[in-house]
Amino acid sequence: MDYSIPLIADVKCAKLFVQALKLLSQRPPVKTHVDCLTSRRILRLPGMIAVHVHLREPGQTWKEDFESGTEAALAGGITMVCVMPNTNPTINSIERFEATRQIAMSKAKCDFGLFVIAEPSNAHEWASVDHRIAPVAMKIYLGPTFINSTMTNMISLIDHLEKWPRHLPVCVHAEGLTGARILLLAKLSSRPLHICHVSRQEEVVMIRKAKESGFDVTCEVCPHHLFLSSEDVSRIGETL
């Protein structure tokens, strides 16, 4: 029993139970006072934090919104989501950040944090960030995504790295040479850096060397980056 919910952890027992339910034409009588015993060791984990989610609100709520996304998070044991800013429109100003935060407060079923996006002309926006309701981080896109907010001008990048509040993280969408570029600029600006969804061996090598040199850099991967490679394309198919 977990929070008064009966749990069947064994797959074979669960299948038998489902088959038995199919034989009934009505709701089965349940003795709610009967607990269960198990020979297995049960571990209870704290709620997980998803640091990189896309909820597509505002602009593409037919794909996902704060309500459906956070309900799915809770169903998977996640109690906080950190939401990316490449929406339509993007979260590129204090005003849009606050508007999105209000939407999230009215619809989200679990805790949340919001990213804001770096664009060529909005570095000045973050000087007046309210520390009580601050974004969880700034996201810099150095590669193409489904919005047109790719940062290519190094002067603008340096401007963002220097003006963004020092106590808040900087996260980047970068691959290959763009990763090397932002590592260099972040080091010149004495700015710690987090690199999102690393997927290539060359990027792992580059990040490892940066760490070994004393630079404060972290990174993340997606599960498919750990278990799939280009060798799997012929087996799975190029479109997938």
Protein backbone atom coordinates (compact mmCIF):
# COMPACT_ATOMS: atom_id res chain seq x y z
CA MET A 1 0.00 0.00 0.00
CA ASP A 2 1.26 3.48 -0.82
CA TYR A 3 -0.89 6.46 0.22
CA SER A 4 -3.87 4.06 0.51
CA ILE A 5 -3.36 2.89 -3.09
CA PRO A 6 -2.83 -0.86 -3.59
CA LEU A 7 0.24 -1.54 -5.72
CA ILE A 8 1.04 -4.69 -7.70
CA ALA A 9 4.74 -4.65 -8.52
CA ASP A 10 5.06 -8.09 -10.13
CA VAL A 11 4.31 -8.06 -13.87
CA LYS A 12 2.80 -11.55 -14.01
CA CYS A 13 0.55 -10.81 -11.05
CA ALA A 14 -0.52 -7.54 -12.64
CA LYS A 15 -1.47 -9.32 -15.90
CA LEU A 16 -3.50 -11.92 -14.00
CA PHE A 17 -5.21 -9.16 -12.06
CA VAL A 18 -6.16 -7.29 -15.26
CA GLN A 19 -7.48 -10.50 -16.83
CA ALA A 20 -9.56 -11.18 -13.73
CA LEU A 21 -11.04 -7.67 -13.84
CA LYS A 22 -12.12 -8.24 -17.44
CA LEU A 23 -14.27 -11.18 -16.30
CA LEU A 24 -16.34 -8.92 -14.06
CA SER A 25 -19.27 -6.90 -15.32
CA GLN A 26 -19.15 -4.47 -12.42
CA ARG A 27 -16.68 -2.75 -10.11
CA PRO A 28 -14.91 -5.40 -8.03
CA PRO A 29 -15.34 -5.44 -4.25
CA VAL A 30 -12.07 -4.35 -2.64
CA LYS A 31 -11.00 -4.86 0.96
CA THR A 32 -9.20 -1.58 1.56
CA HIS A 33 -7.96 -2.60 5.01
CA VAL A 34 -5.72 -5.38 3.64
CA ASP A 35 -2.10 -4.36 3.17
CA CYS A 36 0.49 -6.35 1.28
CA LEU A 37 3.81 -7.98 2.05
CA THR A 38 6.85 -8.10 -0.19
CA SER A 39 10.23 -9.78 -0.10
CA ARG A 40 11.73 -7.01 -2.18
CA ARG A 41 13.53 -3.93 -0.91
CA ILE A 42 11.42 -0.84 -1.61
CA LEU A 43 13.14 2.52 -2.12
CA ARG A 44 11.29 5.79 -1.94
CA LEU A 45 12.93 8.55 -3.98
CA PRO A 46 12.33 12.28 -3.58
CA GLY A 47 10.48 14.10 -6.33
CA MET A 48 12.70 14.60 -9.36
CA ILE A 49 13.49 17.94 -11.02
CA ALA A 50 13.37 18.10 -14.82
CA VAL A 51 15.82 20.85 -15.72
CA HIS A 52 14.97 20.99 -19.44
CA VAL A 53 11.35 20.77 -20.61
CA HIS A 54 9.37 22.36 -23.46
CA LEU A 55 5.75 23.16 -22.62
CA ARG A 56 5.06 25.25 -25.77
CA GLU A 57 2.98 27.87 -24.00
CA PRO A 58 2.39 30.50 -25.25
CA GLY A 59 1.96 29.93 -28.96
CA GLN A 60 1.72 26.18 -29.57
CA THR A 61 -0.59 24.86 -26.89
CA TRP A 62 -1.98 22.15 -29.18
CA LYS A 63 1.40 20.45 -28.64
CA GLU A 64 1.65 21.00 -24.88
CA ASP A 65 0.72 23.53 -22.21
CA PHE A 66 1.45 24.10 -18.54
CA GLU A 67 -1.49 21.98 -17.42
CA SER A 68 -0.88 18.89 -19.55
CA GLY A 69 2.90 19.07 -19.20
CA THR A 70 2.94 19.35 -15.42
CA GLU A 71 0.29 16.64 -15.04
CA ALA A 72 2.53 14.32 -17.07
CA ALA A 73 5.51 15.35 -14.93
CA LEU A 74 3.71 14.41 -11.71
CA ALA A 75 2.64 11.09 -13.22
CA GLY A 76 6.31 10.33 -13.81
CA GLY A 77 7.50 11.29 -10.34
CA ILE A 78 8.73 14.77 -11.29
CA THR A 79 7.70 17.56 -8.91
CA MET A 80 9.46 20.52 -10.55
CA VAL A 81 9.98 21.46 -14.20
CA CYS A 82 12.31 24.11 -15.65
CA VAL A 83 10.69 25.42 -18.82
CA MET A 84 12.55 26.50 -21.95
CA PRO A 85 11.87 29.98 -23.45
CA ASN A 86 11.75 29.24 -27.19
CA THR A 87 8.00 29.68 -27.33
CA ASN A 88 6.02 31.84 -29.74
CA PRO A 89 6.52 34.63 -28.82
CA THR A 90 9.79 33.95 -27.04
CA ILE A 91 10.33 34.87 -23.39
CA ASN A 92 12.73 37.67 -24.27
CA SER A 93 11.73 40.44 -21.85
CA ILE A 94 10.74 41.03 -18.24
CA GLU A 95 7.19 41.74 -19.43
CA ARG A 96 6.85 38.45 -21.31
CA PHE A 97 8.50 36.57 -18.47
CA GLU A 98 5.94 37.93 -16.03
CA ALA A 99 3.04 37.20 -18.41
CA THR A 100 4.21 33.59 -18.83
CA ARG A 101 4.73 33.25 -15.08
CA GLN A 102 1.13 34.30 -14.49
CA ILE A 103 -0.10 31.67 -16.97
CA ALA A 104 2.02 29.02 -15.26
CA MET A 105 0.78 30.00 -11.80
CA SER A 106 -2.83 29.55 -12.92
CA LYS A 107 -2.37 26.21 -14.72
CA ALA A 108 0.70 24.33 -13.44
CA LYS A 109 0.09 21.30 -11.22
CA CYS A 110 3.65 21.11 -9.88
CA ASP A 111 6.48 23.51 -9.08
CA PHE A 112 8.07 25.28 -12.03
CA GLY A 113 10.85 27.63 -13.05
CA LEU A 114 11.10 29.65 -16.25
CA PHE A 115 14.06 30.31 -18.51
CA VAL A 116 14.44 33.55 -20.46
CA ILE A 117 16.04 33.75 -23.88
CA ALA A 118 19.07 35.69 -25.08
CA GLU A 119 18.51 37.61 -28.30
CA PRO A 120 20.81 40.07 -30.12
CA SER A 121 19.30 43.22 -28.62
CA ASN A 122 17.83 42.28 -25.23
CA ALA A 123 20.86 42.07 -22.90
CA HIS A 124 19.73 45.28 -21.17
CA GLU A 125 16.45 43.64 -20.11
CA TRP A 126 17.98 41.63 -17.29
CA ALA A 127 19.44 44.49 -15.28
CA SER A 128 16.09 44.94 -13.53
CA VAL A 129 15.31 41.28 -12.78
CA ASP A 130 13.39 40.98 -9.50
CA HIS A 131 15.44 38.60 -7.35
CA ARG A 132 12.29 37.32 -5.62
CA ILE A 133 10.72 36.02 -8.85
CA ALA A 134 13.83 35.66 -10.99
CA PRO A 135 14.13 33.24 -13.93
CA VAL A 136 15.93 29.98 -13.21
CA ALA A 137 18.46 30.72 -15.97
CA MET A 138 19.14 32.37 -19.30
CA LYS A 139 19.18 30.21 -22.43
CA ILE A 140 21.46 31.09 -25.35
CA TYR A 141 20.79 29.37 -28.68
CA LEU A 142 23.94 29.05 -30.77
CA GLY A 143 22.43 26.51 -33.15
CA PRO A 144 19.20 26.42 -35.15
CA THR A 145 15.93 25.63 -33.41
CA PHE A 146 12.30 26.02 -34.46
CA ILE A 147 12.44 29.76 -33.69
CA ASN A 148 14.70 32.40 -35.20
CA SER A 149 16.70 33.37 -32.11
CA THR A 150 20.13 31.99 -32.94
CA MET A 151 22.90 34.18 -31.52
CA THR A 152 25.75 34.65 -34.00
CA ASN A 153 27.28 38.00 -33.02
CA MET A 154 30.11 37.60 -30.50
CA ILE A 155 29.78 41.17 -29.20
CA SER A 156 26.14 40.47 -28.31
CA LEU A 157 27.16 37.21 -26.64
CA ILE A 158 29.75 38.97 -24.50
CA ASP A 159 27.19 41.64 -23.62
CA HIS A 160 24.80 38.97 -22.33
CA LEU A 161 27.51 37.11 -20.40
CA GLU A 162 28.57 40.31 -18.66
CA LYS A 163 25.12 41.78 -17.92
CA TRP A 164 23.24 38.66 -16.81
CA PRO A 165 22.96 38.54 -12.96
CA ARG A 166 26.00 36.74 -11.60
CA HIS A 167 24.03 34.46 -9.27
CA LEU A 168 21.88 32.98 -12.07
CA PRO A 169 23.05 30.25 -14.49
CA VAL A 170 23.74 30.59 -18.20
CA CYS A 171 22.69 27.59 -20.32
CA VAL A 172 23.54 27.17 -23.99
CA HIS A 173 22.31 25.22 -26.98
CA ALA A 174 25.65 24.64 -28.71
CA GLU A 175 27.25 21.97 -30.87
CA GLY A 176 30.74 21.47 -32.22
CA LEU A 177 32.53 24.75 -32.96
CA THR A 178 29.77 26.87 -31.42
CA GLY A 179 30.41 25.03 -28.16
CA ALA A 180 34.10 25.86 -28.33
CA ARG A 181 33.26 29.50 -29.06
CA ILE A 182 30.95 29.95 -26.08
CA LEU A 183 33.40 28.17 -23.77
CA LEU A 184 36.07 30.67 -24.75
CA LEU A 185 33.79 33.69 -24.34
CA ALA A 186 32.48 32.44 -20.99
CA LYS A 187 36.01 31.93 -19.72
CA LEU A 188 37.01 35.43 -20.82
CA SER A 189 33.94 36.76 -18.97
CA SER A 190 34.61 34.60 -15.87
CA ARG A 191 31.11 33.18 -16.27
CA PRO A 192 30.23 29.56 -15.31
CA LEU A 193 28.45 27.73 -18.12
CA HIS A 194 26.00 24.85 -18.56
CA ILE A 195 25.82 23.12 -21.96
CA CYS A 196 22.49 21.49 -22.80
CA HIS A 197 21.83 18.13 -24.51
CA VAL A 198 25.41 17.19 -25.38
CA SER A 199 25.25 14.52 -28.07
CA ARG A 200 28.69 14.13 -29.69
CA GLN A 201 31.96 12.60 -28.62
CA GLU A 202 33.89 15.70 -29.69
CA GLU A 203 31.78 17.83 -27.37
CA VAL A 204 32.41 15.50 -24.41
CA VAL A 205 36.15 15.70 -25.07
CA MET A 206 36.02 19.50 -25.28
CA ILE A 207 34.05 19.83 -22.04
CA ARG A 208 36.35 17.40 -20.25
CA LYS A 209 39.41 19.40 -21.29
CA ALA A 210 37.74 22.62 -20.13
CA LYS A 211 37.03 21.03 -16.74
CA GLU A 212 40.60 19.78 -16.45
CA SER A 213 41.87 23.30 -17.11
CA GLY A 214 39.83 24.57 -14.15
CA PHE A 215 36.91 26.10 -16.02
CA ASP A 216 33.51 25.91 -14.30
CA VAL A 217 31.37 24.08 -16.88
CA THR A 218 28.62 21.47 -16.54
CA CYS A 219 26.57 19.61 -19.13
CA GLU A 220 23.55 17.38 -19.61
CA VAL A 221 22.48 14.60 -21.97
CA CYS A 222 19.22 13.04 -23.06
CA PRO A 223 18.72 9.27 -22.61
CA HIS A 224 18.87 8.61 -26.35
CA HIS A 225 22.26 10.35 -26.50
CA LEU A 226 23.59 7.71 -24.10
CA PHE A 227 22.21 4.65 -25.86
CA LEU A 228 22.01 5.51 -29.58
CA SER A 229 24.61 6.54 -32.16
CA SER A 230 24.87 7.12 -35.90
CA GLU A 231 25.39 3.37 -36.29
CA ASP A 232 21.75 2.83 -35.31
CA VAL A 233 20.37 4.91 -38.19
CA SER A 234 20.27 2.06 -40.69
CA ARG A 235 18.41 -0.15 -38.19
CA ILE A 236 15.87 2.43 -36.97
CA GLY A 237 15.46 4.56 -40.09
CA GLU A 238 16.60 8.09 -40.94
CA THR A 239 13.24 9.73 -40.28
CA LEU A 240 13.32 8.52 -36.65
